[in-house]
Amino acid sequence: MRTWVGREMEGNCHDKTLFVESEVVDGDLAINVLHYAELNNIGRIYFGAGRIDTKFDDDAKKVLNSSGVELVVETTPMRYEQCKDIDAK
């Protein structure tokens, strides 16, 4: 997994964003990412950075959906089924 903080450069949103490049996000990783975002006043998390097709387990989906943080997930049509339950853009 690799993470970095920067400004979103695509679309209309240029907010401070935590980019997460990880093939699998489980509940523990989701908690750690959210904790880092909170400590650093980051209100937006982008999963699938680096054009990685990310898979989320059920615990991660629950944690992320209840977080109140703006979530972005980049995925391919093949992995969409595993991401559709996440409240993300």
PDB file of N, CA and C in Angstrom:
ATOM      1  N   MET A   1       0.842  -1.179   0.000  1.00  0.00           N
ATOM      2  CA  MET A   1       0.000   0.000   0.000  1.00  0.00           C
ATOM      3  C   MET A   1       0.881   1.235   0.000  1.00  0.00           C
ATOM      4  N   ARG A   2       0.427   2.230  -0.712  1.00  0.00           N
ATOM      5  CA  ARG A   2       1.109   3.512  -0.748  1.00  0.00           C
ATOM      6  C   ARG A   2       0.048   4.596  -0.583  1.00  0.00           C
ATOM      7  N   THR A   3       0.364   5.626   0.176  1.00  0.00           N
ATOM      8  CA  THR A   3      -0.554   6.760   0.350  1.00  0.00           C
ATOM      9  C   THR A   3       0.198   8.058   0.161  1.00  0.00           C
ATOM     10  N   TRP A   4      -0.533   9.093  -0.211  1.00  0.00           N
ATOM     11  CA  TRP A   4       0.043  10.432  -0.282  1.00  0.00           C
ATOM     12  C   TRP A   4      -1.080  11.446  -0.183  1.00  0.00           C
ATOM     13  N   VAL A   5      -0.719  12.648   0.171  1.00  0.00           N
ATOM     14  CA  VAL A   5      -1.689  13.730   0.323  1.00  0.00           C
ATOM     15  C   VAL A   5      -1.405  14.756  -0.754  1.00  0.00           C
ATOM     16  N   GLY A   6      -2.463  15.231  -1.384  1.00  0.00           N
ATOM     17  CA  GLY A   6      -2.328  16.257  -2.413  1.00  0.00           C
ATOM     18  C   GLY A   6      -3.683  16.840  -2.738  1.00  0.00           C
ATOM     19  N   ARG A   7      -3.712  17.661  -3.740  1.00  0.00           N
ATOM     20  CA  ARG A   7      -4.967  18.257  -4.209  1.00  0.00           C
ATOM     21  C   ARG A   7      -5.453  17.463  -5.415  1.00  0.00           C
ATOM     22  N   GLU A   8      -6.744  17.189  -5.430  1.00  0.00           N
ATOM     23  CA  GLU A   8      -7.346  16.530  -6.590  1.00  0.00           C
ATOM     24  C   GLU A   8      -7.183  17.457  -7.788  1.00  0.00           C
ATOM     25  N   MET A   9      -6.743  16.931  -8.902  1.00  0.00           N
ATOM     26  CA  MET A   9      -6.489  17.757 -10.079  1.00  0.00           C
ATOM     27  C   MET A   9      -7.527  17.538 -11.189  1.00  0.00           C
ATOM     28  N   GLU A  10      -8.339  16.510 -11.065  1.00  0.00           N
ATOM     29  CA  GLU A  10      -9.352  16.235 -12.073  1.00  0.00           C
ATOM     30  C   GLU A  10     -10.716  16.716 -11.598  1.00  0.00           C
ATOM     31  N   GLY A  11     -11.571  17.036 -12.535  1.00  0.00           N
ATOM     32  CA  GLY A  11     -12.928  17.450 -12.186  1.00  0.00           C
ATOM     33  C   GLY A  11     -12.963  18.827 -11.549  1.00  0.00           C
ATOM     34  N   ASN A  12     -14.060  19.104 -10.850  1.00  0.00           N
ATOM     35  CA  ASN A  12     -14.275  20.415 -10.240  1.00  0.00           C
ATOM     36  C   ASN A  12     -13.767  20.513  -8.815  1.00  0.00           C
ATOM     37  N   CYS A  13     -13.455  19.394  -8.197  1.00  0.00           N
ATOM     38  CA  CYS A  13     -13.031  19.387  -6.800  1.00  0.00           C
ATOM     39  C   CYS A  13     -11.512  19.427  -6.717  1.00  0.00           C
ATOM     40  N   HIS A  14     -10.995  20.412  -6.022  1.00  0.00           N
ATOM     41  CA  HIS A  14      -9.543  20.542  -5.850  1.00  0.00           C
ATOM     42  C   HIS A  14      -9.180  20.547  -4.374  1.00  0.00           C
ATOM     43  N   ASP A  15      -9.956  19.811  -3.598  1.00  0.00           N
ATOM     44  CA  ASP A  15      -9.747  19.753  -2.157  1.00  0.00           C
ATOM     45  C   ASP A  15      -8.523  18.923  -1.795  1.00  0.00           C
ATOM     46  N   LYS A  16      -8.028  19.160  -0.584  1.00  0.00           N
ATOM     47  CA  LYS A  16      -6.955  18.349  -0.027  1.00  0.00           C
ATOM     48  C   LYS A  16      -7.474  16.918   0.074  1.00  0.00           C
ATOM     49  N   THR A  17      -6.721  15.968  -0.478  1.00  0.00           N
ATOM     50  CA  THR A  17      -7.185  14.587  -0.607  1.00  0.00           C
ATOM     51  C   THR A  17      -6.105  13.623  -0.144  1.00  0.00           C
ATOM     52  N   LEU A  18      -6.528  12.573   0.548  1.00  0.00           N
ATOM     53  CA  LEU A  18      -5.641  11.468   0.895  1.00  0.00           C
ATOM     54  C   LEU A  18      -5.840  10.400  -0.167  1.00  0.00           C
ATOM     55  N   PHE A  19      -4.805  10.151  -0.952  1.00  0.00           N
ATOM     56  CA  PHE A  19      -4.849   9.153  -2.011  1.00  0.00           C
ATOM     57  C   PHE A  19      -4.341   7.829  -1.453  1.00  0.00           C
ATOM     58  N   VAL A  20      -5.090   6.757  -1.720  1.00  0.00           N
ATOM     59  CA  VAL A  20      -4.748   5.427  -1.202  1.00  0.00           C
ATOM     60  C   VAL A  20      -4.609   4.465  -2.382  1.00  0.00           C
ATOM     61  N   GLU A  21      -3.399   3.922  -2.528  1.00  0.00           N
ATOM     62  CA  GLU A  21      -3.109   2.945  -3.572  1.00  0.00           C
ATOM     63  C   GLU A  21      -2.974   1.589  -2.891  1.00  0.00           C
ATOM     64  N   SER A  22      -4.052   0.810  -2.934  1.00  0.00           N
ATOM     65  CA  SER A  22      -4.063  -0.495  -2.274  1.00  0.00           C
ATOM     66  C   SER A  22      -5.042  -1.402  -3.001  1.00  0.00           C
ATOM     67  N   GLU A  23      -4.636  -2.639  -3.259  1.00  0.00           N
ATOM     68  CA  GLU A  23      -5.519  -3.578  -3.944  1.00  0.00           C
ATOM     69  C   GLU A  23      -6.645  -4.068  -3.044  1.00  0.00           C
ATOM     70  N   VAL A  24      -6.397  -4.174  -1.731  1.00  0.00           N
ATOM     71  CA  VAL A  24      -7.397  -4.661  -0.782  1.00  0.00           C
ATOM     72  C   VAL A  24      -7.497  -3.695   0.390  1.00  0.00           C
ATOM     73  N   VAL A  25      -8.722  -3.330   0.739  1.00  0.00           N
ATOM     74  CA  VAL A  25      -8.969  -2.495   1.908  1.00  0.00           C
ATOM     75  C   VAL A  25      -9.855  -3.306   2.845  1.00  0.00           C
ATOM     76  N   ASP A  26      -9.312  -3.632   4.021  1.00  0.00           N
ATOM     77  CA  ASP A  26     -10.097  -4.338   5.028  1.00  0.00           C
ATOM     78  C   ASP A  26     -10.495  -3.343   6.118  1.00  0.00           C
ATOM     79  N   GLY A  27     -11.227  -3.804   7.105  1.00  0.00           N
ATOM     80  CA  GLY A  27     -11.712  -2.922   8.165  1.00  0.00           C
ATOM     81  C   GLY A  27     -10.600  -2.206   8.905  1.00  0.00           C
ATOM     82  N   ASP A  28      -9.506  -2.919   9.225  1.00  0.00           N
ATOM     83  CA  ASP A  28      -8.399  -2.291   9.953  1.00  0.00           C
ATOM     84  C   ASP A  28      -7.735  -1.201   9.128  1.00  0.00           C
ATOM     85  N   LEU A  29      -7.530  -1.465   7.845  1.00  0.00           N
ATOM     86  CA  LEU A  29      -6.913  -0.449   6.991  1.00  0.00           C
ATOM     87  C   LEU A  29      -7.831   0.761   6.864  1.00  0.00           C
ATOM     88  N   ALA A  30      -9.124   0.521   6.718  1.00  0.00           N
ATOM     89  CA  ALA A  30     -10.079   1.622   6.622  1.00  0.00           C
ATOM     90  C   ALA A  30     -10.030   2.492   7.878  1.00  0.00           C
ATOM     91  N   ILE A  31      -9.970   1.873   9.047  1.00  0.00           N
ATOM     92  CA  ILE A  31      -9.882   2.621  10.302  1.00  0.00           C
ATOM     93  C   ILE A  31      -8.598   3.440  10.345  1.00  0.00           C
ATOM     94  N   ASN A  32      -7.485   2.844   9.965  1.00  0.00           N
ATOM     95  CA  ASN A  32      -6.195   3.556   9.977  1.00  0.00           C
ATOM     96  C   ASN A  32      -6.192   4.737   9.013  1.00  0.00           C
ATOM     97  N   VAL A  33      -6.742   4.547   7.821  1.00  0.00           N
ATOM     98  CA  VAL A  33      -6.797   5.627   6.836  1.00  0.00           C
ATOM     99  C   VAL A  33      -7.679   6.765   7.346  1.00  0.00           C
ATOM    100  N   LEU A  34      -8.836   6.420   7.905  1.00  0.00           N
ATOM    101  CA  LEU A  34      -9.730   7.454   8.444  1.00  0.00           C
ATOM    102  C   LEU A  34      -9.085   8.195   9.604  1.00  0.00           C
ATOM    103  N   HIS A  35      -8.369   7.477  10.449  1.00  0.00           N
ATOM    104  CA  HIS A  35      -7.690   8.110  11.586  1.00  0.00           C
ATOM    105  C   HIS A  35      -6.634   9.097  11.090  1.00  0.00           C
ATOM    106  N   TYR A  36      -5.848   8.701  10.108  1.00  0.00           N
ATOM    107  CA  TYR A  36      -4.833   9.597   9.554  1.00  0.00           C
ATOM    108  C   TYR A  36      -5.493  10.835   8.949  1.00  0.00           C
ATOM    109  N   ALA A  37      -6.575  10.629   8.215  1.00  0.00           N
ATOM    110  CA  ALA A  37      -7.281  11.756   7.607  1.00  0.00           C
ATOM    111  C   ALA A  37      -7.789  12.724   8.669  1.00  0.00           C
ATOM    112  N   GLU A  38      -8.344  12.182   9.734  1.00  0.00           N
ATOM    113  CA  GLU A  38      -8.859  13.034  10.811  1.00  0.00           C
ATOM    114  C   GLU A  38      -7.741  13.832  11.479  1.00  0.00           C
ATOM    115  N   LEU A  39      -6.630  13.169  11.779  1.00  0.00           N
ATOM    116  CA  LEU A  39      -5.503  13.845  12.431  1.00  0.00           C
ATOM    117  C   LEU A  39      -4.921  14.965  11.579  1.00  0.00           C
ATOM    118  N   ASN A  40      -5.067  14.852  10.267  1.00  0.00           N
ATOM    119  CA  ASN A  40      -4.464  15.815   9.355  1.00  0.00           C
ATOM    120  C   ASN A  40      -5.488  16.697   8.637  1.00  0.00           C
ATOM    121  N   ASN A  41      -6.697  16.734   9.186  1.00  0.00           N
ATOM    122  CA  ASN A  41      -7.763  17.585   8.646  1.00  0.00           C
ATOM    123  C   ASN A  41      -7.993  17.376   7.153  1.00  0.00           C
ATOM    124  N   ILE A  42      -8.094  16.110   6.759  1.00  0.00           N
ATOM    125  CA  ILE A  42      -8.348  15.760   5.372  1.00  0.00           C
ATOM    126  C   ILE A  42      -9.779  15.243   5.293  1.00  0.00           C
ATOM    127  N   GLY A  43     -10.592  15.878   4.469  1.00  0.00           N
ATOM    128  CA  GLY A  43     -12.001  15.514   4.389  1.00  0.00           C
ATOM    129  C   GLY A  43     -12.368  14.688   3.178  1.00  0.00           C
ATOM    130  N   ARG A  44     -11.345  14.263   2.418  1.00  0.00           N
ATOM    131  CA  ARG A  44     -11.627  13.521   1.186  1.00  0.00           C
ATOM    132  C   ARG A  44     -10.596  12.411   1.030  1.00  0.00           C
ATOM    133  N   ILE A  45     -11.072  11.192   0.754  1.00  0.00           N
ATOM    134  CA  ILE A  45     -10.180  10.046   0.577  1.00  0.00           C
ATOM    135  C   ILE A  45     -10.482   9.416  -0.772  1.00  0.00           C
ATOM    136  N   TYR A  46      -9.425   9.181  -1.521  1.00  0.00           N
ATOM    137  CA  TYR A  46      -9.529   8.649  -2.886  1.00  0.00           C
ATOM    138  C   TYR A  46      -8.904   7.262  -2.913  1.00  0.00           C
ATOM    139  N   PHE A  47      -9.739   6.233  -3.036  1.00  0.00           N
ATOM    140  CA  PHE A  47      -9.261   4.859  -3.141  1.00  0.00           C
ATOM    141  C   PHE A  47      -9.134   4.494  -4.612  1.00  0.00           C
ATOM    142  N   GLY A  48      -8.098   3.747  -4.933  1.00  0.00           N
ATOM    143  CA  GLY A  48      -7.844   3.374  -6.319  1.00  0.00           C
ATOM    144  C   GLY A  48      -6.825   4.270  -6.972  1.00  0.00           C
ATOM    145  N   ALA A  49      -6.132   5.066  -6.161  1.00  0.00           N
ATOM    146  CA  ALA A  49      -5.089   5.937  -6.687  1.00  0.00           C
ATOM    147  C   ALA A  49      -4.019   5.087  -7.364  1.00  0.00           C
ATOM    148  N   GLY A  50      -3.352   5.660  -8.333  1.00  0.00           N
ATOM    149  CA  GLY A  50      -2.344   4.920  -9.065  1.00  0.00           C
ATOM    150  C   GLY A  50      -2.958   3.902 -10.008  1.00  0.00           C
ATOM    151  N   ARG A  51      -4.254   4.100 -10.293  1.00  0.00           N
ATOM    152  CA  ARG A  51      -5.011   3.205 -11.182  1.00  0.00           C
ATOM    153  C   ARG A  51      -5.021   1.757 -10.690  1.00  0.00           C
ATOM    154  N   ILE A  52      -5.069   1.618  -9.359  1.00  0.00           N
ATOM    155  CA  ILE A  52      -5.171   0.309  -8.723  1.00  0.00           C
ATOM    156  C   ILE A  52      -6.645  -0.046  -8.573  1.00  0.00           C
ATOM    157  N   ASP A  53      -7.025  -1.218  -8.975  1.00  0.00           N
ATOM    158  CA  ASP A  53      -8.394  -1.691  -8.841  1.00  0.00           C
ATOM    159  C   ASP A  53      -8.582  -2.228  -7.421  1.00  0.00           C
ATOM    160  N   THR A  54      -9.243  -1.464  -6.577  1.00  0.00           N
ATOM    161  CA  THR A  54      -9.335  -1.759  -5.154  1.00  0.00           C
ATOM    162  C   THR A  54     -10.541  -2.631  -4.830  1.00  0.00           C
ATOM    163  N   LYS A  55     -10.319  -3.575  -3.917  1.00  0.00           N
ATOM    164  CA  LYS A  55     -11.385  -4.446  -3.419  1.00  0.00           C
ATOM    165  C   LYS A  55     -11.589  -4.133  -1.938  1.00  0.00           C
ATOM    166  N   PHE A  56     -12.853  -4.018  -1.499  1.00  0.00           N
ATOM    167  CA  PHE A  56     -13.197  -3.696  -0.119  1.00  0.00           C
ATOM    168  C   PHE A  56     -13.894  -4.889   0.528  1.00  0.00           C
ATOM    169  N   ASP A  57     -13.506  -5.217   1.759  1.00  0.00           N
ATOM    170  CA  ASP A  57     -14.264  -6.251   2.463  1.00  0.00           C
ATOM    171  C   ASP A  57     -15.463  -5.601   3.154  1.00  0.00           C
ATOM    172  N   ASP A  58     -16.356  -6.415   3.698  1.00  0.00           N
ATOM    173  CA  ASP A  58     -17.589  -5.894   4.296  1.00  0.00           C
ATOM    174  C   ASP A  58     -17.318  -4.976   5.486  1.00  0.00           C
ATOM    175  N   ASP A  59     -16.304  -5.291   6.300  1.00  0.00           N
ATOM    176  CA  ASP A  59     -15.968  -4.435   7.443  1.00  0.00           C
ATOM    177  C   ASP A  59     -15.528  -3.053   6.975  1.00  0.00           C
ATOM    178  N   ALA A  60     -14.717  -3.009   5.925  1.00  0.00           N
ATOM    179  CA  ALA A  60     -14.259  -1.721   5.392  1.00  0.00           C
ATOM    180  C   ALA A  60     -15.442  -0.902   4.890  1.00  0.00           C
ATOM    181  N   LYS A  61     -16.377  -1.549   4.210  1.00  0.00           N
ATOM    182  CA  LYS A  61     -17.554  -0.836   3.698  1.00  0.00           C
ATOM    183  C   LYS A  61     -18.353  -0.211   4.831  1.00  0.00           C
ATOM    184  N   LYS A  62     -18.559  -0.950   5.911  1.00  0.00           N
ATOM    185  CA  LYS A  62     -19.314  -0.425   7.064  1.00  0.00           C
ATOM    186  C   LYS A  62     -18.598   0.770   7.685  1.00  0.00           C
ATOM    187  N   VAL A  63     -17.297   0.618   7.904  1.00  0.00           N
ATOM    188  CA  VAL A  63     -16.507   1.686   8.530  1.00  0.00           C
ATOM    189  C   VAL A  63     -16.512   2.938   7.658  1.00  0.00           C
ATOM    190  N   LEU A  64     -16.252   2.776   6.385  1.00  0.00           N
ATOM    191  CA  LEU A  64     -16.173   3.925   5.484  1.00  0.00           C
ATOM    192  C   LEU A  64     -17.521   4.607   5.307  1.00  0.00           C
ATOM    193  N   ASN A  65     -18.584   3.838   5.186  1.00  0.00           N
ATOM    194  CA  ASN A  65     -19.905   4.435   4.992  1.00  0.00           C
ATOM    195  C   ASN A  65     -20.387   5.212   6.209  1.00  0.00           C
ATOM    196  N   SER A  66     -19.913   4.860   7.378  1.00  0.00           N
ATOM    197  CA  SER A  66     -20.342   5.575   8.582  1.00  0.00           C
ATOM    198  C   SER A  66     -19.393   6.709   8.959  1.00  0.00           C
ATOM    199  N   SER A  67     -18.387   6.965   8.162  1.00  0.00           N
ATOM    200  CA  SER A  67     -17.336   7.924   8.528  1.00  0.00           C
ATOM    201  C   SER A  67     -17.716   9.386   8.341  1.00  0.00           C
ATOM    202  N   GLY A  68     -18.562   9.691   7.370  1.00  0.00           N
ATOM    203  CA  GLY A  68     -18.875  11.080   7.081  1.00  0.00           C
ATOM    204  C   GLY A  68     -17.835  11.774   6.225  1.00  0.00           C
ATOM    205  N   VAL A  69     -16.801  11.054   5.833  1.00  0.00           N
ATOM    206  CA  VAL A  69     -15.745  11.611   4.982  1.00  0.00           C
ATOM    207  C   VAL A  69     -16.157  11.404   3.531  1.00  0.00           C
ATOM    208  N   GLU A  70     -15.854  12.385   2.682  1.00  0.00           N
ATOM    209  CA  GLU A  70     -16.128  12.234   1.260  1.00  0.00           C
ATOM    210  C   GLU A  70     -15.209  11.154   0.694  1.00  0.00           C
ATOM    211  N   LEU A  71     -15.792  10.163   0.042  1.00  0.00           N
ATOM    212  CA  LEU A  71     -15.033   9.045  -0.515  1.00  0.00           C
ATOM    213  C   LEU A  71     -15.135   9.045  -2.031  1.00  0.00           C
ATOM    214  N   VAL A  72     -14.012   8.743  -2.653  1.00  0.00           N
ATOM    215  CA  VAL A  72     -13.960   8.569  -4.099  1.00  0.00           C
ATOM    216  C   VAL A  72     -13.337   7.207  -4.345  1.00  0.00           C
ATOM    217  N   VAL A  73     -13.931   6.430  -5.238  1.00  0.00           N
ATOM    218  CA  VAL A  73     -13.391   5.120  -5.587  1.00  0.00           C
ATOM    219  C   VAL A  73     -13.248   5.055  -7.101  1.00  0.00           C
ATOM    220  N   GLU A  74     -12.025   4.801  -7.551  1.00  0.00           N
ATOM    221  CA  GLU A  74     -11.795   4.561  -8.966  1.00  0.00           C
ATOM    222  C   GLU A  74     -11.716   3.050  -9.147  1.00  0.00           C
ATOM    223  N   THR A  75     -12.499   2.543 -10.080  1.00  0.00           N
ATOM    224  CA  THR A  75     -12.529   1.106 -10.304  1.00  0.00           C
ATOM    225  C   THR A  75     -12.820   0.814 -11.765  1.00  0.00           C
ATOM    226  N   THR A  76     -12.709  -0.436 -12.118  1.00  0.00           N
ATOM    227  CA  THR A  76     -13.029  -0.877 -13.471  1.00  0.00           C
ATOM    228  C   THR A  76     -14.383  -1.582 -13.450  1.00  0.00           C
ATOM    229  N   PRO A  77     -14.985  -1.783 -14.607  1.00  0.00           N
ATOM    230  CA  PRO A  77     -16.267  -2.502 -14.633  1.00  0.00           C
ATOM    231  C   PRO A  77     -16.179  -3.893 -13.991  1.00  0.00           C
ATOM    232  N   MET A  78     -15.033  -4.549 -14.093  1.00  0.00           N
ATOM    233  CA  MET A  78     -14.887  -5.886 -13.503  1.00  0.00           C
ATOM    234  C   MET A  78     -14.968  -5.861 -11.981  1.00  0.00           C
ATOM    235  N   ARG A  79     -14.512  -4.798 -11.342  1.00  0.00           N
ATOM    236  CA  ARG A  79     -14.512  -4.710  -9.883  1.00  0.00           C
ATOM    237  C   ARG A  79     -15.655  -3.865  -9.326  1.00  0.00           C
ATOM    238  N   TYR A  80     -16.471  -3.294 -10.188  1.00  0.00           N
ATOM    239  CA  TYR A  80     -17.547  -2.427  -9.722  1.00  0.00           C
ATOM    240  C   TYR A  80     -18.456  -3.129  -8.720  1.00  0.00           C
ATOM    241  N   GLU A  81     -18.777  -4.372  -8.947  1.00  0.00           N
ATOM    242  CA  GLU A  81     -19.656  -5.123  -8.053  1.00  0.00           C
ATOM    243  C   GLU A  81     -19.157  -5.110  -6.617  1.00  0.00           C
ATOM    244  N   GLN A  82     -17.839  -5.100  -6.425  1.00  0.00           N
ATOM    245  CA  GLN A  82     -17.268  -5.141  -5.089  1.00  0.00           C
ATOM    246  C   GLN A  82     -17.191  -3.751  -4.449  1.00  0.00           C
ATOM    247  N   CYS A  83     -17.508  -2.717  -5.201  1.00  0.00           N
ATOM    248  CA  CYS A  83     -17.440  -1.352  -4.691  1.00  0.00           C
ATOM    249  C   CYS A  83     -18.795  -0.665  -4.606  1.00  0.00           C
ATOM    250  N   LYS A  84     -19.810  -1.253  -5.204  1.00  0.00           N
ATOM    251  CA  LYS A  84     -21.089  -0.547  -5.327  1.00  0.00           C
ATOM    252  C   LYS A  84     -21.792  -0.281  -4.001  1.00  0.00           C
ATOM    253  N   ASP A  85     -21.435  -0.990  -2.935  1.00  0.00           N
ATOM    254  CA  ASP A  85     -22.070  -0.777  -1.640  1.00  0.00           C
ATOM    255  C   ASP A  85     -21.408   0.324  -0.835  1.00  0.00           C
ATOM    256  N   ILE A  86     -20.436   0.994  -1.397  1.00  0.00           N
ATOM    257  CA  ILE A  86     -19.738   2.082  -0.693  1.00  0.00           C
ATOM    258  C   ILE A  86     -20.373   3.390  -1.129  1.00  0.00           C
ATOM    259  N   ASP A  87     -20.660   4.257  -0.178  1.00  0.00           N
ATOM    260  CA  ASP A  87     -21.238   5.557  -0.461  1.00  0.00           C
ATOM    261  C   ASP A  87     -20.134   6.485  -0.942  1.00  0.00           C
ATOM    262  N   ALA A  88     -19.810   6.360  -2.222  1.00  0.00           N
ATOM    263  CA  ALA A  88     -18.686   7.106  -2.793  1.00  0.00           C
ATOM    264  C   ALA A  88     -19.059   7.651  -4.147  1.00  0.00           C
ATOM    265  N   LYS A  89     -18.212   8.546  -4.614  1.00  0.00           N
ATOM    266  CA  LYS A  89     -18.370   9.092  -5.968  1.00  0.00           C
ATOM    267  C   LYS A  89     -17.621   8.202  -6.934  1.00  0.00           C
TER     268      LYS A  89
END
